[in-house]
Protein backbone atom coordinates (compact mmCIF):
# COMPACT_ATOMS: atom_id res chain seq x y z
CA UNK A 1 116.75 87.64 40.58
CA UNK A 2 113.63 85.62 40.95
CA UNK A 3 111.80 85.21 44.36
CA UNK A 4 112.66 81.66 44.96
CA UNK A 5 116.29 82.97 44.82
CA UNK A 6 115.27 85.77 46.96
CA UNK A 7 113.60 83.21 49.58
CA UNK A 8 116.64 81.07 49.53
CA UNK A 9 119.22 84.10 50.19
CA UNK A 10 116.62 85.16 53.08
CA UNK A 11 116.21 81.71 54.54
CA UNK A 12 120.23 81.35 54.66
CA UNK A 13 120.81 84.80 56.25
CA UNK A 14 117.99 84.79 58.69
CA UNK A 15 119.34 85.21 62.28
CA UNK A 16 118.93 81.98 64.38
CA UNK A 17 116.36 82.83 66.95
CA UNK A 18 115.51 80.49 70.13
CA UNK A 19 113.56 77.62 69.56
CA UNK A 20 110.99 76.07 71.76
CA UNK A 21 113.49 72.41 71.75
CA UNK A 22 115.58 74.21 74.03
CA UNK A 23 112.79 74.75 76.41
CA UNK A 24 112.41 70.54 76.92
CA UNK A 25 114.49 69.00 78.89
CA UNK A 26 114.39 64.91 79.51
CA UNK A 27 114.88 63.37 82.48
CA UNK A 28 118.33 61.48 82.35
CA UNK A 29 118.59 57.81 82.96
CA UNK A 30 122.10 57.35 84.15
CA UNK A 31 122.00 53.38 84.10
CA UNK A 32 121.14 52.66 80.17
CA UNK A 33 121.54 49.41 79.14
CA UNK A 34 121.40 49.92 74.80
CA UNK A 35 124.33 49.38 72.88
CA UNK A 36 124.73 52.30 70.13
CA UNK A 37 125.55 49.22 67.51
CA UNK A 38 121.71 47.90 68.17
CA UNK A 39 119.52 51.23 67.98
CA UNK A 40 117.34 50.88 65.31
CA UNK A 41 116.03 54.45 63.89
CA UNK A 42 113.93 52.72 61.24
CA UNK A 43 109.98 53.80 61.36
CA UNK A 44 107.34 53.00 59.27
CA UNK A 45 105.30 55.86 57.03
CA UNK A 46 102.83 55.25 54.30
CA UNK A 47 103.21 51.64 54.40
CA UNK A 48 107.26 51.94 53.65
CA UNK A 49 109.69 51.27 55.99
CA UNK A 50 112.37 54.29 56.22
CA UNK A 51 116.09 53.26 57.79
CA UNK A 52 116.18 56.85 59.90
CA UNK A 53 113.22 59.37 61.27
CA UNK A 54 114.68 62.10 59.27
CA UNK A 55 112.91 63.85 56.18
CA UNK A 56 114.44 66.41 53.44
CA UNK A 57 111.45 69.25 53.50
CA UNK A 58 110.72 71.33 50.67
CA UNK A 59 112.79 73.98 50.34
CA UNK A 60 112.97 75.26 46.45
CA UNK A 61 112.64 75.11 42.63
CA UNK A 62 112.54 77.15 39.57
CA UNK A 63 115.61 78.60 39.06
CA UNK A 64 119.23 77.50 37.85
CA UNK A 65 120.60 77.73 41.41
CA UNK A 66 117.77 75.68 42.46
CA UNK A 67 118.24 72.94 39.87
CA UNK A 68 121.69 72.74 41.32
CA UNK A 69 120.70 72.46 44.56
CA UNK A 70 117.71 69.82 44.31
CA UNK A 71 120.34 67.54 42.33
CA UNK A 72 122.65 67.73 45.27
CA UNK A 73 119.64 66.96 47.97
CA UNK A 74 118.29 63.92 45.30
CA UNK A 75 121.69 62.29 45.94
CA UNK A 76 121.54 63.01 49.56
CA UNK A 77 118.47 61.43 50.03
CA UNK A 78 118.64 58.34 47.68
CA UNK A 79 122.41 58.13 49.59
CA UNK A 80 120.63 57.98 53.16
CA UNK A 81 116.97 56.65 51.91
CA UNK A 82 115.15 59.94 53.23
CA UNK A 83 111.95 61.11 52.15
CA UNK A 84 111.83 64.18 50.50
CA UNK A 85 109.78 66.80 49.65
CA UNK A 86 110.08 69.50 46.83
CA UNK A 87 109.69 73.29 46.83
CA UNK A 88 106.38 74.32 45.36
CA UNK A 89 105.39 73.24 42.05
CA UNK A 90 103.64 75.28 41.03
CA UNK A 91 105.98 77.52 39.16
CA UNK A 92 106.73 74.95 37.18
CA UNK A 93 102.88 74.22 36.48
CA UNK A 94 102.51 78.23 35.68
CA UNK A 95 106.11 77.98 33.15
CA UNK A 96 107.10 74.60 32.01
CA UNK A 97 110.20 75.99 31.07
CA UNK A 98 110.96 75.57 34.77
CA UNK A 99 110.15 72.10 35.14
CA UNK A 100 113.34 70.51 34.91
CA UNK A 101 114.82 72.18 37.94
CA UNK A 102 112.58 70.17 39.74
CA UNK A 103 113.02 66.81 38.07
CA UNK A 104 116.55 66.18 39.34
CA UNK A 105 114.91 65.46 42.80
CA UNK A 106 113.70 62.44 40.76
CA UNK A 107 116.04 61.60 38.82
CA UNK A 108 118.75 61.25 41.55
CA UNK A 109 116.84 58.88 43.37
CA UNK A 110 114.78 56.77 41.15
CA UNK A 111 113.28 54.78 43.78
CA UNK A 112 113.16 56.82 47.06
CA UNK A 113 109.94 58.07 48.18
CA UNK A 114 109.08 61.61 46.73
CA UNK A 115 106.33 64.22 48.07
CA UNK A 116 105.79 67.07 45.22
CA UNK A 117 104.48 70.27 47.03
CA UNK A 118 102.01 72.50 45.84
CA UNK A 119 100.07 75.65 47.85
CA UNK A 120 96.63 74.98 48.71
CA UNK A 121 95.31 78.08 46.81
CA UNK A 122 96.56 76.66 43.45
CA UNK A 123 94.06 75.01 41.13
CA UNK A 124 92.91 71.85 41.83
CA UNK A 125 94.16 69.94 38.27
CA UNK A 126 98.01 71.09 39.71
CA UNK A 127 97.90 68.59 42.38
CA UNK A 128 98.01 65.47 40.15
CA UNK A 129 99.90 67.53 37.82
CA UNK A 130 102.73 67.98 40.25
CA UNK A 131 102.18 64.34 41.43
CA UNK A 132 103.04 63.38 37.77
CA UNK A 133 106.14 65.72 37.07
CA UNK A 134 107.61 64.01 40.12
CA UNK A 135 106.37 60.52 39.81
CA UNK A 136 105.78 61.59 43.45
CA UNK A 137 104.76 59.21 46.30
CA UNK A 138 102.67 62.05 48.47
CA UNK A 139 101.84 65.30 47.66
CA UNK A 140 102.22 68.06 50.05
CA UNK A 141 99.68 70.89 50.55
CA UNK A 142 101.33 74.08 51.84
CA UNK A 143 99.18 76.25 54.26
CA UNK A 144 100.62 79.61 54.03
CA UNK A 145 98.25 82.55 55.15
CA UNK A 146 100.64 84.89 57.10
CA UNK A 147 103.13 84.48 54.44
CA UNK A 148 100.78 85.32 51.64
CA UNK A 149 99.69 88.45 53.44
CA UNK A 150 103.02 89.60 54.34
CA UNK A 151 104.02 89.26 50.43
CA UNK A 152 103.49 92.51 48.40
CA UNK A 153 102.16 90.07 45.45
CA UNK A 154 100.47 87.01 47.72
CA UNK A 155 96.79 85.99 47.86
CA UNK A 156 94.31 88.15 50.18
CA UNK A 157 91.05 85.44 49.81
CA UNK A 158 91.21 82.37 51.73
CA UNK A 159 87.49 82.07 51.58
CA UNK A 160 88.25 79.26 48.88
CA UNK A 161 91.09 77.49 51.08
CA UNK A 162 89.16 74.52 52.61
CA UNK A 163 86.83 73.27 49.54
CA UNK A 164 89.92 73.81 47.51
CA UNK A 165 91.97 71.36 49.63
CA UNK A 166 89.29 68.88 50.29
CA UNK A 167 88.72 68.52 46.40
CA UNK A 168 92.90 67.90 46.43
CA UNK A 169 92.69 65.32 48.51
CA UNK A 170 90.00 63.63 46.24
CA UNK A 171 91.60 64.33 43.02
CA UNK A 172 95.34 62.52 44.01
CA UNK A 173 95.82 59.13 44.06
CA UNK A 174 98.66 59.47 46.69
CA UNK A 175 98.60 60.68 50.27
CA UNK A 176 98.04 64.25 50.99
CA UNK A 177 100.15 65.79 53.72
CA UNK A 178 98.91 69.25 54.99
CA UNK A 179 102.19 71.28 55.74
CA UNK A 180 101.98 74.84 57.66
CA UNK A 181 105.21 76.96 56.76
CA UNK A 182 106.66 77.75 60.20
CA UNK A 183 103.78 78.74 62.16
CA UNK A 184 102.58 75.65 63.69
CA UNK A 185 98.95 73.92 63.95
CA UNK A 186 96.50 74.02 66.72
CA UNK A 187 94.19 70.68 67.29
CA UNK A 188 91.43 72.92 66.42
CA UNK A 189 93.18 72.87 62.73
CA UNK A 190 94.15 69.50 62.62
CA UNK A 191 90.29 68.48 63.64
CA UNK A 192 89.26 70.35 60.50
CA UNK A 193 91.96 69.32 58.36
CA UNK A 194 90.57 65.95 59.53
CA UNK A 195 86.77 66.61 58.19
CA UNK A 196 88.39 67.47 54.61
CA UNK A 197 89.75 64.07 54.18
CA UNK A 198 93.65 65.14 55.35
CA UNK A 199 94.86 61.97 57.37
CA UNK A 200 98.52 63.32 57.44
CA UNK A 201 100.36 66.54 58.54
CA UNK A 202 103.47 68.17 59.09
CA UNK A 203 102.85 71.04 61.66
CA UNK A 204 106.10 73.46 60.97
CA UNK A 205 105.88 75.20 63.37
CA UNK A 206 107.81 78.76 64.31
CA UNK A 207 111.73 78.60 65.28
CA UNK A 208 112.95 78.12 61.45
CA UNK A 209 112.82 80.00 58.51
CA UNK A 210 110.31 82.74 59.37
CA UNK A 211 108.51 83.56 55.77
CA UNK A 212 106.72 86.85 57.49
CA UNK A 213 110.34 88.04 57.77
CA UNK A 214 111.48 86.66 54.74
CA UNK A 215 108.64 88.78 52.56
CA UNK A 216 108.95 91.67 54.75
CA UNK A 217 112.82 91.86 53.85
CA UNK A 218 110.92 92.10 50.12
CA UNK A 219 108.19 93.96 50.58
CA UNK A 220 107.83 98.14 49.98
CA UNK A 221 105.36 98.53 53.42
CA UNK A 222 107.07 95.42 55.66
CA UNK A 223 104.40 94.65 58.32
CA UNK A 224 105.20 95.70 61.67
CA UNK A 225 105.27 93.12 64.72
CA UNK A 226 103.83 90.39 63.08
CA UNK A 227 107.12 88.48 62.57
CA UNK A 228 106.41 86.67 65.95
CA UNK A 229 102.93 85.23 64.78
CA UNK A 230 102.80 81.42 65.29
CA UNK A 231 103.10 78.06 67.19
CA UNK A 232 106.01 76.64 67.87
CA UNK A 233 106.89 73.33 66.49
CA UNK A 234 106.82 71.84 70.16
CA UNK A 235 103.46 73.62 71.21
CA UNK A 236 102.07 72.16 67.78
CA UNK A 237 103.09 68.71 69.02
CA UNK A 238 101.91 68.95 72.27
CA UNK A 239 98.64 69.80 70.33
CA UNK A 240 98.67 67.01 68.38
CA UNK A 241 98.62 64.71 71.20
CA UNK A 242 94.81 65.77 71.59
CA UNK A 243 94.19 64.66 68.01
CA UNK A 244 93.48 60.73 67.26
CA UNK A 245 93.79 59.45 63.73
CA UNK A 246 96.67 61.69 62.57
CA UNK A 247 99.74 60.89 61.48
CA UNK A 248 101.90 63.54 62.82
CA UNK A 249 105.09 64.90 61.19
CA UNK A 250 107.39 67.73 62.58
CA UNK A 251 109.74 70.41 61.03
CA UNK A 252 110.81 73.96 61.86
CA UNK A 253 113.41 75.25 63.78
CA UNK A 254 114.67 71.74 63.87
CA UNK A 255 118.42 72.31 63.89
CA UNK A 256 120.46 69.09 64.70
CA UNK A 257 120.16 65.61 66.30
CA UNK A 258 118.73 66.75 69.87
CA UNK A 259 116.07 68.23 68.27
CA UNK A 260 115.43 65.46 65.93
CA UNK A 261 115.20 63.51 69.03
CA UNK A 262 112.89 65.80 71.05
CA UNK A 263 110.41 65.74 68.51
CA UNK A 264 110.09 61.99 68.24
CA UNK A 265 109.85 62.03 71.96
CA UNK A 266 106.94 64.06 71.82
CA UNK A 267 105.17 61.88 69.02
CA UNK A 268 106.40 63.19 66.09
CA UNK A 269 106.31 60.12 63.39
CA UNK A 270 109.49 61.81 61.43
CA UNK A 271 111.23 65.13 61.29
CA UNK A 272 112.03 66.94 58.55
CA UNK A 273 115.08 69.59 58.23
CA UNK A 274 115.39 72.32 55.44
CA UNK A 275 118.28 74.44 56.53
CA UNK A 276 120.74 71.85 57.70
CA UNK A 277 119.82 70.05 54.44
CA UNK A 278 120.51 73.24 52.26
CA UNK A 279 123.60 74.22 54.26
CA UNK A 280 124.96 70.44 53.40
CA UNK A 281 123.46 71.11 49.82
CA UNK A 282 126.04 73.68 49.42
CA UNK A 283 129.12 72.19 50.68
CA UNK A 284 131.75 72.38 48.25
CA UNK A 285 132.01 68.21 47.90
CA UNK A 286 129.16 65.88 47.73
CA UNK A 287 131.45 63.77 50.08
CA UNK A 288 131.45 66.89 52.64
CA UNK A 289 127.82 66.68 52.58
CA UNK A 290 127.31 62.79 53.02
CA UNK A 291 130.10 63.00 55.96
CA UNK A 292 127.46 66.10 57.76
CA UNK A 293 124.91 63.85 56.93
CA UNK A 294 125.88 60.59 58.50
CA UNK A 295 127.36 62.56 61.62
CA UNK A 296 123.66 63.66 62.31
CA UNK A 297 122.15 60.52 61.92
CA UNK A 298 124.65 58.55 64.15
CA UNK A 299 124.04 61.42 66.52
CA UNK A 300 120.26 60.41 67.01
CA UNK A 301 121.56 56.76 67.65
CA UNK A 302 124.07 58.02 70.11
CA UNK A 303 121.05 60.42 71.86
CA UNK A 304 118.49 57.61 72.17
CA UNK A 305 120.92 54.85 73.44
CA UNK A 306 122.13 57.61 76.43
CA UNK A 307 118.20 57.69 76.72
CA UNK A 308 117.71 53.95 77.39
CA UNK A 309 115.80 53.62 73.95
CA UNK A 310 116.65 50.98 71.82
CA UNK A 311 113.99 52.02 69.30
CA UNK A 312 112.09 54.93 67.75
CA UNK A 313 108.46 54.09 69.74
CA UNK A 314 110.57 53.97 72.95
CA UNK A 315 110.88 57.39 73.06
CA UNK A 316 107.70 59.03 73.82
CA UNK A 317 108.14 56.64 77.17
CA UNK A 318 110.82 58.63 78.42
CA UNK A 319 110.05 61.55 81.51
CA UNK A 320 110.05 65.11 80.19
CA UNK A 321 110.49 68.46 82.06
CA UNK A 322 109.05 71.68 80.06
CA UNK A 323 110.20 75.09 80.57
CA UNK A 324 108.00 78.14 82.37
CA UNK A 325 106.67 79.41 79.47
CA UNK A 326 105.92 75.62 77.72
CA UNK A 327 104.16 74.47 80.64
CA UNK A 328 102.06 77.78 80.98
CA UNK A 329 101.21 77.28 77.17
CA UNK A 330 100.37 73.60 78.56
CA UNK A 331 98.36 75.02 81.33
CA UNK A 332 96.39 77.36 79.32
CA UNK A 333 95.68 75.24 76.38
CA UNK A 334 94.29 72.39 78.85
CA UNK A 335 97.13 69.96 78.06
CA UNK A 336 98.31 68.80 81.66
């Protein structure tokens, strides 16, 4: 079985762990004035209006199993007008015979907003090649140093990463999204990224798929104790409040509509989900998958109405209470 299929298997069988969204509470308004039917969940990103503030985040490619999943995900992204990011396209650059496992994303959604994905350590030429493969509207460049060191065959030299990322930003004619893979981003990292020309980030914090644990499960010499490393998505969004001029997307441990609404209230412009959509892609029928997505998106509207918010832009104005651990993080990081 390929490494990509290993990743899918491990991602789907990992235990659900507590995430910091559970440590965020809204101050409940008992007399809301919003009609659910009038709630507007649309958001503007990359000079395009999306009906929903949710996107299908990077997952897979390169294998027969991945092709079938990408085909189903492409159908769902088209059905709901959701932005979708591919899995890492580097495998298709290294082995062109696997390109057909990625292209269903575009084939099933010819007018949709697609982000191609590659790793920051890939050759700069791969950036435009990935964009061309999917006729992509944006490029996700994933930053995954913890995964690399946990991976037996992973990278060990990160000295060229900043220069490589800056070169990728210059090389492509679409927006570049710097994306973590489950370890979160600090404000210092976001400011460094800005200096390299990056204007969009996906903070992808701890709480979802743990790629250290994924690689430990594959490794002959797993790293002990390291799997708790990183900032959560909530912590990363709190950090992002201190960074001006950056478009901030959120993913990592987002499990349902309530987490989506909390991430939006914390300042995310849109919220990415992987495991939820992977589960939908594996449903026995497309109709069942569509119903699951419809239900989740309607739940977002219902929760917004309860919070007396008719638009997504109103959510950050809702008062929130943070758990003791998050409050301690905020104090130590000067965020209170």
